[in-house]
Amino acid sequence: MLIGVIAVILVIGGWFFLQADPIFAGRGREVVVSVQKGDSLSTVASELQAKGVIASSFAFHVDNILFGSFVVQPGAYELRQGSSFSHIRSVLHGPAIPEVTALPGLTLHEVALAVAQAKGNRYAAEFVKAATAAVTPSPYGHGSSLEGLIGDATYLILPSITPRVLVRDMVDSFDTEAAKAGLSPSTTINGLDPYQLITAASIDVKEGYYASNMPKVARVIFNRLASGGPLQMDSTVLYYLGQDGGTVTPAMLKIQTPYNTYLNIGLTPTPICTVSKVALEAVLYAPKGPWLYFEVINKNGKEAFATTFAQQLANEALAKSRGLG
């Protein structure tokens, strides 16, 4: 009986040793394990097993009981399949993989600042150099800027990801996003080519802000273009000044720039920010309507749309009465 007990202990011990350090199993490929805020160590262990980093989440639990549990910070971690428990601990205790999120409404400059924060100034400088149509071509690009032509997504910057590869990933992401929205390099709507439609969508992102506003804002943009008058969009004036939101003063409206849509007819020469799939769809499938004006009338961001200037003035008075003017 004693020999049997010893044999069982040896078998279990040997099994646990092979789970903790699978030296004979060989190492697999690198995978990314994501940890969300609030994930328990049990959830992390299940993710590790699902990705093939460990063979047994139970053995990983036993290891944590024997050597102490720990808290994993949210983020993404690169691990090789078949890693030892000690190596997994060292990686999960360390910093997560740097990441950058290109949110709709962010300019390319703001994304570059986020890259600098994640990877440092030298990496960001190379990113800026690569973020031009000459270095990283886009099927939608006109001229040198990739403004508006990067995908709305979160990008993990793995050690193998160079600045050029990161920019390429962002452009490819946008191409996929555009296709899902129904845009192609040959699309034309209301006389606008794809690049102009993206430019309109970028203005829609800034002016509509919420998805529920964007379809009608897109129609306002089209109607103003059709009328032959200026777009008169504050966001375009602020873009040139490097400002995101805020009050546009009379002095700002007099500044002669290609992005001043109070002084110039038509769209801006480039998009003014990263666009979303919702904004692209709003431009591609804008509802029919006579609207020429819009105003935020509610603190939740709801906009009212008007056909006449008198109606617009009434909406502005309503907004002011609600503390929004």
C-alpha atoms as a PDB file:
ATOM      1  CA  MET A   1       0.000   0.000   0.000  1.00  0.00           C
ATOM      2  CA  LEU A   2       2.820   2.348   0.921  1.00  0.00           C
ATOM      3  CA  ILE A   3       4.516   1.642  -2.414  1.00  0.00           C
ATOM      4  CA  GLY A   4       1.208   2.367  -4.177  1.00  0.00           C
ATOM      5  CA  VAL A   5       0.796   5.701  -2.388  1.00  0.00           C
ATOM      6  CA  ILE A   6       4.380   6.659  -3.239  1.00  0.00           C
ATOM      7  CA  ALA A   7       3.775   5.681  -6.868  1.00  0.00           C
ATOM      8  CA  VAL A   8       0.650   7.850  -7.029  1.00  0.00           C
ATOM      9  CA  ILE A   9       2.528  10.779  -5.486  1.00  0.00           C
ATOM     10  CA  LEU A  10       5.349  10.365  -7.986  1.00  0.00           C
ATOM     11  CA  VAL A  11       2.916  10.212 -10.898  1.00  0.00           C
ATOM     12  CA  ILE A  12       1.033  13.309  -9.734  1.00  0.00           C
ATOM     13  CA  GLY A  13       4.298  15.094  -8.988  1.00  0.00           C
ATOM     14  CA  GLY A  14       5.689  14.181 -12.377  1.00  0.00           C
ATOM     15  CA  TRP A  15       2.499  15.330 -14.092  1.00  0.00           C
ATOM     16  CA  PHE A  16       2.557  18.661 -12.241  1.00  0.00           C
ATOM     17  CA  PHE A  17       6.258  19.150 -13.034  1.00  0.00           C
ATOM     18  CA  LEU A  18       5.602  18.621 -16.735  1.00  0.00           C
ATOM     19  CA  GLN A  19       2.707  21.081 -16.614  1.00  0.00           C
ATOM     20  CA  ALA A  20       4.751  23.683 -14.765  1.00  0.00           C
ATOM     21  CA  ASP A  21       7.743  23.330 -17.090  1.00  0.00           C
ATOM     22  CA  PRO A  22       6.889  21.371 -20.271  1.00  0.00           C
ATOM     23  CA  ILE A  23      10.515  20.976 -21.334  1.00  0.00           C
ATOM     24  CA  PHE A  24       9.829  17.876 -23.412  1.00  0.00           C
ATOM     25  CA  ALA A  25       6.753  19.213 -25.184  1.00  0.00           C
ATOM     26  CA  GLY A  26       8.616  21.881 -27.116  1.00  0.00           C
ATOM     27  CA  ARG A  27       7.728  25.529 -27.495  1.00  0.00           C
ATOM     28  CA  GLY A  28       5.015  26.700 -29.838  1.00  0.00           C
ATOM     29  CA  ARG A  29       4.330  30.007 -31.554  1.00  0.00           C
ATOM     30  CA  GLU A  30       3.972  33.392 -29.896  1.00  0.00           C
ATOM     31  CA  VAL A  31       0.377  34.310 -29.014  1.00  0.00           C
ATOM     32  CA  VAL A  32      -1.244  37.351 -27.445  1.00  0.00           C
ATOM     33  CA  VAL A  33      -3.236  36.900 -24.246  1.00  0.00           C
ATOM     34  CA  SER A  34      -5.625  39.715 -23.380  1.00  0.00           C
ATOM     35  CA  VAL A  35      -6.579  40.566 -19.798  1.00  0.00           C
ATOM     36  CA  GLN A  36      -9.634  42.726 -19.282  1.00  0.00           C
ATOM     37  CA  LYS A  37     -10.282  44.947 -16.283  1.00  0.00           C
ATOM     38  CA  GLY A  38     -11.783  42.869 -13.475  1.00  0.00           C
ATOM     39  CA  ASP A  39     -10.624  39.495 -14.853  1.00  0.00           C
ATOM     40  CA  SER A  40      -9.879  36.974 -12.123  1.00  0.00           C
ATOM     41  CA  LEU A  41      -6.785  34.799 -12.173  1.00  0.00           C
ATOM     42  CA  SER A  42      -9.126  31.915 -12.996  1.00  0.00           C
ATOM     43  CA  THR A  43     -10.283  33.766 -16.115  1.00  0.00           C
ATOM     44  CA  VAL A  44      -6.692  34.482 -17.066  1.00  0.00           C
ATOM     45  CA  ALA A  45      -5.795  30.800 -16.596  1.00  0.00           C
ATOM     46  CA  SER A  46      -8.656  29.778 -18.881  1.00  0.00           C
ATOM     47  CA  GLU A  47      -7.410  32.225 -21.512  1.00  0.00           C
ATOM     48  CA  LEU A  48      -3.875  30.841 -21.176  1.00  0.00           C
ATOM     49  CA  GLN A  49      -5.164  27.310 -21.697  1.00  0.00           C
ATOM     50  CA  ALA A  50      -7.378  28.338 -24.635  1.00  0.00           C
ATOM     51  CA  LYS A  51      -4.385  29.964 -26.360  1.00  0.00           C
ATOM     52  CA  GLY A  52      -2.177  26.914 -25.747  1.00  0.00           C
ATOM     53  CA  VAL A  53       0.224  28.690 -23.400  1.00  0.00           C
ATOM     54  CA  ILE A  54      -0.522  26.110 -20.702  1.00  0.00           C
ATOM     55  CA  ALA A  55      -1.993  22.638 -20.987  1.00  0.00           C
ATOM     56  CA  SER A  56      -3.897  22.663 -17.692  1.00  0.00           C
ATOM     57  CA  SER A  57      -5.545  25.603 -15.938  1.00  0.00           C
ATOM     58  CA  PHE A  58      -5.949  23.310 -12.893  1.00  0.00           C
ATOM     59  CA  ALA A  59      -2.185  22.818 -12.647  1.00  0.00           C
ATOM     60  CA  PHE A  60      -1.742  26.573 -12.952  1.00  0.00           C
ATOM     61  CA  HIS A  61      -4.148  27.038 -10.027  1.00  0.00           C
ATOM     62  CA  VAL A  62      -2.158  24.525  -7.950  1.00  0.00           C
ATOM     63  CA  ASP A  63       1.028  26.419  -8.800  1.00  0.00           C
ATOM     64  CA  ASN A  64      -0.543  29.645  -7.562  1.00  0.00           C
ATOM     65  CA  ILE A  65      -1.585  27.949  -4.335  1.00  0.00           C
ATOM     66  CA  LEU A  66       1.934  26.652  -3.771  1.00  0.00           C
ATOM     67  CA  PHE A  67       3.860  29.758  -4.784  1.00  0.00           C
ATOM     68  CA  GLY A  68       1.343  32.514  -4.170  1.00  0.00           C
ATOM     69  CA  SER A  69      -1.367  34.146  -6.257  1.00  0.00           C
ATOM     70  CA  PHE A  70      -0.914  37.513  -7.972  1.00  0.00           C
ATOM     71  CA  VAL A  71      -2.888  40.247  -9.718  1.00  0.00           C
ATOM     72  CA  VAL A  72      -2.532  40.770 -13.471  1.00  0.00           C
ATOM     73  CA  GLN A  73      -2.971  44.302 -14.753  1.00  0.00           C
ATOM     74  CA  PRO A  74      -5.353  44.759 -17.723  1.00  0.00           C
ATOM     75  CA  GLY A  75      -3.654  44.720 -21.096  1.00  0.00           C
ATOM     76  CA  ALA A  76      -2.220  42.364 -23.689  1.00  0.00           C
ATOM     77  CA  TYR A  77       0.744  40.064 -23.112  1.00  0.00           C
ATOM     78  CA  GLU A  78       2.829  38.107 -25.617  1.00  0.00           C
ATOM     79  CA  LEU A  79       3.587  34.545 -24.543  1.00  0.00           C
ATOM     80  CA  ARG A  80       4.883  31.468 -26.297  1.00  0.00           C
ATOM     81  CA  GLN A  81       2.758  28.336 -26.329  1.00  0.00           C
ATOM     82  CA  GLY A  82       4.123  25.743 -23.944  1.00  0.00           C
ATOM     83  CA  SER A  83       5.723  28.283 -21.606  1.00  0.00           C
ATOM     84  CA  SER A  84       6.748  27.387 -18.081  1.00  0.00           C
ATOM     85  CA  PHE A  85       4.684  28.709 -15.202  1.00  0.00           C
ATOM     86  CA  SER A  86       7.655  30.711 -13.922  1.00  0.00           C
ATOM     87  CA  HIS A  87       8.067  32.419 -17.299  1.00  0.00           C
ATOM     88  CA  ILE A  88       4.335  33.154 -17.457  1.00  0.00           C
ATOM     89  CA  ARG A  89       4.529  34.750 -14.018  1.00  0.00           C
ATOM     90  CA  SER A  90       7.453  36.944 -15.072  1.00  0.00           C
ATOM     91  CA  VAL A  91       5.637  38.137 -18.191  1.00  0.00           C
ATOM     92  CA  LEU A  92       2.318  38.770 -16.433  1.00  0.00           C
ATOM     93  CA  HIS A  93       4.120  40.673 -13.686  1.00  0.00           C
ATOM     94  CA  GLY A  94       5.796  42.912 -16.248  1.00  0.00           C
ATOM     95  CA  PRO A  95       4.398  45.713 -18.393  1.00  0.00           C
ATOM     96  CA  ALA A  96       1.728  44.846 -20.950  1.00  0.00           C
ATOM     97  CA  ILE A  97       2.267  45.215 -24.683  1.00  0.00           C
ATOM     98  CA  PRO A  98       2.037  48.922 -25.605  1.00  0.00           C
ATOM     99  CA  GLU A  99      -1.097  49.780 -27.536  1.00  0.00           C
ATOM    100  CA  VAL A 100      -2.550  52.749 -29.376  1.00  0.00           C
ATOM    101  CA  THR A 101      -6.220  53.427 -30.061  1.00  0.00           C
ATOM    102  CA  ALA A 102      -7.170  55.547 -33.064  1.00  0.00           C
ATOM    103  CA  LEU A 103     -10.577  56.752 -31.942  1.00  0.00           C
ATOM    104  CA  PRO A 104     -12.954  58.481 -34.365  1.00  0.00           C
ATOM    105  CA  GLY A 105     -12.414  62.222 -34.073  1.00  0.00           C
ATOM    106  CA  LEU A 106      -8.683  61.989 -33.333  1.00  0.00           C
ATOM    107  CA  THR A 107      -6.346  63.680 -35.771  1.00  0.00           C
ATOM    108  CA  LEU A 108      -3.272  61.948 -37.126  1.00  0.00           C
ATOM    109  CA  HIS A 109      -1.197  64.290 -34.958  1.00  0.00           C
ATOM    110  CA  GLU A 110      -3.087  63.174 -31.851  1.00  0.00           C
ATOM    111  CA  VAL A 111      -2.561  59.515 -32.788  1.00  0.00           C
ATOM    112  CA  ALA A 112       1.176  60.237 -33.204  1.00  0.00           C
ATOM    113  CA  LEU A 113       1.224  61.731 -29.698  1.00  0.00           C
ATOM    114  CA  ALA A 114      -0.379  58.532 -28.378  1.00  0.00           C
ATOM    115  CA  VAL A 115       2.302  56.515 -30.193  1.00  0.00           C
ATOM    116  CA  ALA A 116       4.972  58.653 -28.517  1.00  0.00           C
ATOM    117  CA  GLN A 117       3.440  57.996 -25.120  1.00  0.00           C
ATOM    118  CA  ALA A 118       3.332  54.256 -25.787  1.00  0.00           C
ATOM    119  CA  LYS A 119       6.713  53.778 -27.495  1.00  0.00           C
ATOM    120  CA  GLY A 120       8.746  56.939 -27.043  1.00  0.00           C
ATOM    121  CA  ASN A 121       9.625  59.943 -29.189  1.00  0.00           C
ATOM    122  CA  ARG A 122      12.069  58.177 -31.507  1.00  0.00           C
ATOM    123  CA  TYR A 123       9.521  55.541 -32.478  1.00  0.00           C
ATOM    124  CA  ALA A 124       6.854  58.242 -32.909  1.00  0.00           C
ATOM    125  CA  ALA A 125       9.143  60.299 -35.172  1.00  0.00           C
ATOM    126  CA  GLU A 126       9.526  57.305 -37.482  1.00  0.00           C
ATOM    127  CA  PHE A 127       5.772  56.758 -37.292  1.00  0.00           C
ATOM    128  CA  VAL A 128       5.171  60.333 -38.492  1.00  0.00           C
ATOM    129  CA  LYS A 129       7.580  59.823 -41.401  1.00  0.00           C
ATOM    130  CA  ALA A 130       5.760  56.646 -42.400  1.00  0.00           C
ATOM    131  CA  ALA A 131       2.307  58.217 -42.034  1.00  0.00           C
ATOM    132  CA  THR A 132       2.365  59.798 -45.494  1.00  0.00           C
ATOM    133  CA  ALA A 133       0.803  58.570 -48.705  1.00  0.00           C
ATOM    134  CA  ALA A 134       4.233  58.570 -50.357  1.00  0.00           C
ATOM    135  CA  VAL A 135       5.646  56.065 -47.852  1.00  0.00           C
ATOM    136  CA  THR A 136       2.441  54.146 -47.105  1.00  0.00           C
ATOM    137  CA  PRO A 137       0.117  54.317 -50.105  1.00  0.00           C
ATOM    138  CA  SER A 138      -3.649  54.198 -49.628  1.00  0.00           C
ATOM    139  CA  PRO A 139      -6.146  53.404 -52.387  1.00  0.00           C
ATOM    140  CA  TYR A 140      -8.074  56.446 -51.168  1.00  0.00           C
ATOM    141  CA  GLY A 141      -5.126  58.821 -50.798  1.00  0.00           C
ATOM    142  CA  HIS A 142      -4.890  62.194 -52.485  1.00  0.00           C
ATOM    143  CA  GLY A 143      -1.617  63.977 -51.913  1.00  0.00           C
ATOM    144  CA  SER A 144       0.680  63.389 -48.986  1.00  0.00           C
ATOM    145  CA  SER A 145      -1.560  63.153 -45.927  1.00  0.00           C
ATOM    146  CA  LEU A 146      -3.028  59.980 -44.442  1.00  0.00           C
ATOM    147  CA  GLU A 147      -5.374  62.061 -42.298  1.00  0.00           C
ATOM    148  CA  GLY A 148      -8.711  60.258 -42.149  1.00  0.00           C
ATOM    149  CA  LEU A 149      -7.285  57.159 -43.843  1.00  0.00           C
ATOM    150  CA  ILE A 150      -6.379  55.093 -40.760  1.00  0.00           C
ATOM    151  CA  GLY A 151      -8.748  52.603 -39.223  1.00  0.00           C
ATOM    152  CA  ASP A 152     -10.762  53.186 -36.071  1.00  0.00           C
ATOM    153  CA  ALA A 153      -9.194  50.434 -33.942  1.00  0.00           C
ATOM    154  CA  THR A 154      -6.792  49.539 -31.129  1.00  0.00           C
ATOM    155  CA  TYR A 155      -3.351  48.454 -32.308  1.00  0.00           C
ATOM    156  CA  LEU A 156      -0.952  46.327 -30.249  1.00  0.00           C
ATOM    157  CA  ILE A 157       2.654  47.362 -30.806  1.00  0.00           C
ATOM    158  CA  LEU A 158       4.490  44.062 -30.504  1.00  0.00           C
ATOM    159  CA  PRO A 159       8.302  44.123 -30.391  1.00  0.00           C
ATOM    160  CA  SER A 160       8.343  43.019 -34.030  1.00  0.00           C
ATOM    161  CA  ILE A 161       6.095  45.905 -35.156  1.00  0.00           C
ATOM    162  CA  THR A 162       8.127  48.709 -36.726  1.00  0.00           C
ATOM    163  CA  PRO A 163       6.631  52.192 -37.200  1.00  0.00           C
ATOM    164  CA  ARG A 164       6.171  51.483 -40.912  1.00  0.00           C
ATOM    165  CA  VAL A 165       4.371  48.219 -40.182  1.00  0.00           C
ATOM    166  CA  LEU A 166       2.139  49.989 -37.645  1.00  0.00           C
ATOM    167  CA  VAL A 167       1.111  52.628 -40.185  1.00  0.00           C
ATOM    168  CA  ARG A 168       0.529  49.932 -42.803  1.00  0.00           C
ATOM    169  CA  ASP A 169      -1.700  48.056 -40.342  1.00  0.00           C
ATOM    170  CA  MET A 170      -3.686  51.245 -39.694  1.00  0.00           C
ATOM    171  CA  VAL A 171      -4.216  51.925 -43.393  1.00  0.00           C
ATOM    172  CA  ASP A 172      -5.187  48.307 -44.063  1.00  0.00           C
ATOM    173  CA  SER A 173      -7.628  48.495 -41.158  1.00  0.00           C
ATOM    174  CA  PHE A 174      -9.290  51.524 -42.717  1.00  0.00           C
ATOM    175  CA  ASP A 175      -9.541  49.807 -46.098  1.00  0.00           C
ATOM    176  CA  THR A 176     -11.354  46.890 -44.439  1.00  0.00           C
ATOM    177  CA  GLU A 177     -13.604  49.259 -42.497  1.00  0.00           C
ATOM    178  CA  ALA A 178     -14.439  51.254 -45.635  1.00  0.00           C
ATOM    179  CA  ALA A 179     -15.336  48.112 -47.567  1.00  0.00           C
ATOM    180  CA  LYS A 180     -17.680  46.970 -44.792  1.00  0.00           C
ATOM    181  CA  ALA A 181     -19.365  50.376 -44.873  1.00  0.00           C
ATOM    182  CA  GLY A 182     -19.864  50.092 -48.641  1.00  0.00           C
ATOM    183  CA  LEU A 183     -17.109  52.419 -49.847  1.00  0.00           C
ATOM    184  CA  SER A 184     -14.713  51.475 -52.631  1.00  0.00           C
ATOM    185  CA  PRO A 185     -12.007  53.408 -54.508  1.00  0.00           C
ATOM    186  CA  SER A 186     -14.490  53.836 -57.386  1.00  0.00           C
ATOM    187  CA  THR A 187     -17.482  55.089 -55.379  1.00  0.00           C
ATOM    188  CA  THR A 188     -18.983  58.455 -56.332  1.00  0.00           C
ATOM    189  CA  ILE A 189     -21.981  60.118 -54.668  1.00  0.00           C
ATOM    190  CA  ASN A 190     -23.413  63.536 -55.478  1.00  0.00           C
ATOM    191  CA  GLY A 191     -20.376  64.226 -57.623  1.00  0.00           C
ATOM    192  CA  LEU A 192     -17.933  63.498 -54.796  1.00  0.00           C
ATOM    193  CA  ASP A 193     -15.094  61.002 -55.211  1.00  0.00           C
ATOM    194  CA  PRO A 194     -14.132  58.543 -52.428  1.00  0.00           C
ATOM    195  CA  TYR A 195     -11.561  60.885 -50.860  1.00  0.00           C
ATOM    196  CA  GLN A 196     -14.104  63.708 -50.725  1.00  0.00           C
ATOM    197  CA  LEU A 197     -16.683  61.361 -49.199  1.00  0.00           C
ATOM    198  CA  ILE A 198     -14.171  60.434 -46.496  1.00  0.00           C
ATOM    199  CA  THR A 199     -13.526  64.144 -45.945  1.00  0.00           C
ATOM    200  CA  ALA A 200     -17.275  64.700 -45.552  1.00  0.00           C
ATOM    201  CA  ALA A 201     -17.437  61.772 -43.108  1.00  0.00           C
ATOM    202  CA  SER A 202     -14.633  63.289 -41.014  1.00  0.00           C
ATOM    203  CA  ILE A 203     -16.549  66.560 -40.745  1.00  0.00           C
ATOM    204  CA  ASP A 204     -19.653  64.541 -39.858  1.00  0.00           C
ATOM    205  CA  VAL A 205     -17.753  62.865 -36.995  1.00  0.00           C
ATOM    206  CA  LYS A 206     -16.862  66.247 -35.499  1.00  0.00           C
ATOM    207  CA  GLU A 207     -20.181  67.973 -36.121  1.00  0.00           C
ATOM    208  CA  GLY A 208     -22.551  65.075 -35.414  1.00  0.00           C
ATOM    209  CA  TYR A 209     -20.473  63.547 -32.615  1.00  0.00           C
ATOM    210  CA  TYR A 210     -23.164  60.984 -31.716  1.00  0.00           C
ATOM    211  CA  ALA A 211     -24.174  58.249 -34.150  1.00  0.00           C
ATOM    212  CA  SER A 212     -27.845  59.281 -34.021  1.00  0.00           C
ATOM    213  CA  ASN A 213     -26.992  62.742 -35.375  1.00  0.00           C
ATOM    214  CA  MET A 214     -24.664  61.717 -38.180  1.00  0.00           C
ATOM    215  CA  PRO A 215     -27.091  60.719 -40.968  1.00  0.00           C
ATOM    216  CA  LYS A 216     -28.877  64.088 -40.957  1.00  0.00           C
ATOM    217  CA  VAL A 217     -25.616  66.010 -40.530  1.00  0.00           C
ATOM    218  CA  ALA A 218     -24.374  64.227 -43.650  1.00  0.00           C
ATOM    219  CA  ARG A 219     -27.458  65.434 -45.510  1.00  0.00           C
ATOM    220  CA  VAL A 220     -26.842  68.998 -44.299  1.00  0.00           C
ATOM    221  CA  ILE A 221     -23.292  68.778 -45.688  1.00  0.00           C
ATOM    222  CA  PHE A 222     -24.590  67.568 -49.051  1.00  0.00           C
ATOM    223  CA  ASN A 223     -27.331  70.208 -49.156  1.00  0.00           C
ATOM    224  CA  ARG A 224     -24.906  73.040 -48.413  1.00  0.00           C
ATOM    225  CA  LEU A 225     -22.494  71.786 -51.056  1.00  0.00           C
ATOM    226  CA  ALA A 226     -25.350  71.601 -53.570  1.00  0.00           C
ATOM    227  CA  SER A 227     -26.425  75.161 -52.759  1.00  0.00           C
ATOM    228  CA  GLY A 228     -23.008  76.450 -53.772  1.00  0.00           C
ATOM    229  CA  GLY A 229     -22.514  78.286 -50.506  1.00  0.00           C
ATOM    230  CA  PRO A 230     -19.884  77.738 -47.802  1.00  0.00           C
ATOM    231  CA  LEU A 231     -20.188  74.791 -45.438  1.00  0.00           C
ATOM    232  CA  GLN A 232     -19.613  77.021 -42.393  1.00  0.00           C
ATOM    233  CA  MET A 233     -18.471  74.217 -40.101  1.00  0.00           C
ATOM    234  CA  ASP A 234     -16.667  75.264 -36.909  1.00  0.00           C
ATOM    235  CA  SER A 235     -14.743  71.976 -36.684  1.00  0.00           C
ATOM    236  CA  THR A 236     -12.810  72.725 -39.866  1.00  0.00           C
ATOM    237  CA  VAL A 237     -11.659  76.098 -38.542  1.00  0.00           C
ATOM    238  CA  LEU A 238     -10.553  74.514 -35.264  1.00  0.00           C
ATOM    239  CA  TYR A 239      -8.695  71.726 -37.085  1.00  0.00           C
ATOM    240  CA  TYR A 240      -6.325  74.163 -38.739  1.00  0.00           C
ATOM    241  CA  LEU A 241      -5.708  75.812 -35.376  1.00  0.00           C
ATOM    242  CA  GLY A 242      -4.957  72.474 -33.753  1.00  0.00           C
ATOM    243  CA  GLN A 243      -7.938  72.690 -31.415  1.00  0.00           C
ATOM    244  CA  ASP A 244     -10.477  70.004 -30.605  1.00  0.00           C
ATOM    245  CA  GLY A 245     -13.770  71.658 -29.743  1.00  0.00           C
ATOM    246  CA  GLY A 246     -14.312  74.955 -28.012  1.00  0.00           C
ATOM    247  CA  THR A 247     -15.725  78.284 -29.080  1.00  0.00           C
ATOM    248  CA  VAL A 248     -14.967  79.649 -32.517  1.00  0.00           C
ATOM    249  CA  THR A 249     -14.433  83.399 -32.208  1.00  0.00           C
ATOM    250  CA  PRO A 250     -15.138  86.053 -34.887  1.00  0.00           C
ATOM    251  CA  ALA A 251     -11.372  86.533 -35.194  1.00  0.00           C
ATOM    252  CA  MET A 252     -10.901  82.834 -35.989  1.00  0.00           C
ATOM    253  CA  LEU A 253     -13.495  83.040 -38.753  1.00  0.00           C
ATOM    254  CA  LYS A 254     -11.417  85.681 -40.523  1.00  0.00           C
ATOM    255  CA  ILE A 255      -8.230  83.590 -40.683  1.00  0.00           C
ATOM    256  CA  GLN A 256      -7.410  82.800 -44.299  1.00  0.00           C
ATOM    257  CA  THR A 257      -6.750  79.055 -44.462  1.00  0.00           C
ATOM    258  CA  PRO A 258      -7.845  76.263 -46.829  1.00  0.00           C
ATOM    259  CA  TYR A 259      -9.733  74.788 -43.854  1.00  0.00           C
ATOM    260  CA  ASN A 260     -11.858  77.861 -43.159  1.00  0.00           C
ATOM    261  CA  THR A 261     -15.205  76.731 -44.546  1.00  0.00           C
ATOM    262  CA  TYR A 262     -16.694  80.138 -43.756  1.00  0.00           C
ATOM    263  CA  LEU A 263     -14.419  81.813 -46.293  1.00  0.00           C
ATOM    264  CA  ASN A 264     -14.014  78.966 -48.804  1.00  0.00           C
ATOM    265  CA  ILE A 265     -16.579  77.117 -50.862  1.00  0.00           C
ATOM    266  CA  GLY A 266     -16.666  73.316 -50.772  1.00  0.00           C
ATOM    267  CA  LEU A 267     -14.969  70.705 -48.644  1.00  0.00           C
ATOM    268  CA  THR A 268     -11.636  71.010 -46.876  1.00  0.00           C
ATOM    269  CA  PRO A 269      -8.593  69.806 -48.868  1.00  0.00           C
ATOM    270  CA  THR A 270      -8.158  66.771 -46.580  1.00  0.00           C
ATOM    271  CA  PRO A 271     -10.191  64.937 -43.942  1.00  0.00           C
ATOM    272  CA  ILE A 272      -9.920  66.523 -40.501  1.00  0.00           C
ATOM    273  CA  CYS A 273      -9.867  63.405 -38.291  1.00  0.00           C
ATOM    274  CA  THR A 274     -10.160  59.643 -38.072  1.00  0.00           C
ATOM    275  CA  VAL A 275     -13.597  58.528 -39.219  1.00  0.00           C
ATOM    276  CA  SER A 276     -15.872  55.775 -37.979  1.00  0.00           C
ATOM    277  CA  LYS A 277     -17.827  53.156 -39.899  1.00  0.00           C
ATOM    278  CA  VAL A 278     -20.992  54.880 -38.691  1.00  0.00           C
ATOM    279  CA  ALA A 279     -19.908  58.201 -40.198  1.00  0.00           C
ATOM    280  CA  LEU A 280     -18.953  56.545 -43.484  1.00  0.00           C
ATOM    281  CA  GLU A 281     -22.344  54.856 -43.653  1.00  0.00           C
ATOM    282  CA  ALA A 282     -24.060  58.155 -42.807  1.00  0.00           C
ATOM    283  CA  VAL A 283     -22.385  59.800 -45.810  1.00  0.00           C
ATOM    284  CA  LEU A 284     -22.910  56.850 -48.144  1.00  0.00           C
ATOM    285  CA  TYR A 285     -26.577  56.429 -47.227  1.00  0.00           C
ATOM    286  CA  ALA A 286     -27.612  59.895 -46.073  1.00  0.00           C
ATOM    287  CA  PRO A 287     -31.393  60.245 -45.676  1.00  0.00           C
ATOM    288  CA  LYS A 288     -33.233  62.565 -48.010  1.00  0.00           C
ATOM    289  CA  GLY A 289     -34.291  65.872 -46.504  1.00  0.00           C
ATOM    290  CA  PRO A 290     -34.130  69.657 -46.956  1.00  0.00           C
ATOM    291  CA  TRP A 291     -32.125  70.424 -43.793  1.00  0.00           C
ATOM    292  CA  LEU A 292     -29.521  73.169 -43.945  1.00  0.00           C
ATOM    293  CA  TYR A 293     -28.873  73.818 -40.237  1.00  0.00           C
ATOM    294  CA  PHE A 294     -28.445  71.929 -36.971  1.00  0.00           C
ATOM    295  CA  GLU A 295     -28.019  72.820 -33.318  1.00  0.00           C
ATOM    296  CA  VAL A 296     -27.370  70.843 -30.120  1.00  0.00           C
ATOM    297  CA  ILE A 297     -30.526  71.298 -28.037  1.00  0.00           C
ATOM    298  CA  ASN A 298     -30.057  68.766 -25.280  1.00  0.00           C
ATOM    299  CA  LYS A 299     -27.277  67.990 -22.813  1.00  0.00           C
ATOM    300  CA  ASN A 300     -27.261  64.410 -24.083  1.00  0.00           C
ATOM    301  CA  GLY A 301     -25.994  65.727 -27.432  1.00  0.00           C
ATOM    302  CA  LYS A 302     -29.223  65.539 -29.423  1.00  0.00           C
ATOM    303  CA  GLU A 303     -29.280  67.891 -32.391  1.00  0.00           C
ATOM    304  CA  ALA A 304     -32.289  69.601 -33.932  1.00  0.00           C
ATOM    305  CA  PHE A 305     -32.338  70.133 -37.696  1.00  0.00           C
ATOM    306  CA  ALA A 306     -33.837  73.070 -39.541  1.00  0.00           C
ATOM    307  CA  THR A 307     -34.640  73.978 -43.111  1.00  0.00           C
ATOM    308  CA  THR A 308     -34.917  77.751 -42.691  1.00  0.00           C
ATOM    309  CA  PHE A 309     -32.741  80.226 -40.833  1.00  0.00           C
ATOM    310  CA  ALA A 310     -35.780  81.244 -38.747  1.00  0.00           C
ATOM    311  CA  GLN A 311     -36.126  77.662 -37.549  1.00  0.00           C
ATOM    312  CA  GLN A 312     -32.414  77.594 -36.764  1.00  0.00           C
ATOM    313  CA  LEU A 313     -32.702  80.753 -34.676  1.00  0.00           C
ATOM    314  CA  ALA A 314     -35.557  79.145 -32.738  1.00  0.00           C
ATOM    315  CA  ASN A 315     -33.408  76.075 -32.069  1.00  0.00           C
ATOM    316  CA  GLU A 316     -30.517  78.273 -30.947  1.00  0.00           C
ATOM    317  CA  ALA A 317     -32.855  80.088 -28.534  1.00  0.00           C
ATOM    318  CA  LEU A 318     -34.037  76.716 -27.180  1.00  0.00           C
ATOM    319  CA  ALA A 319     -30.435  75.583 -26.696  1.00  0.00           C
ATOM    320  CA  LYS A 320     -29.591  78.828 -24.883  1.00  0.00           C
ATOM    321  CA  SER A 321     -32.592  78.457 -22.577  1.00  0.00           C
ATOM    322  CA  ARG A 322     -31.221  75.050 -21.611  1.00  0.00           C
ATOM    323  CA  GLY A 323     -27.798  76.419 -20.836  1.00  0.00           C
ATOM    324  CA  LEU A 324     -26.214  75.205 -24.055  1.00  0.00           C
ATOM    325  CA  GLY A 325     -25.840  78.448 -25.964  1.00  0.00           C
END
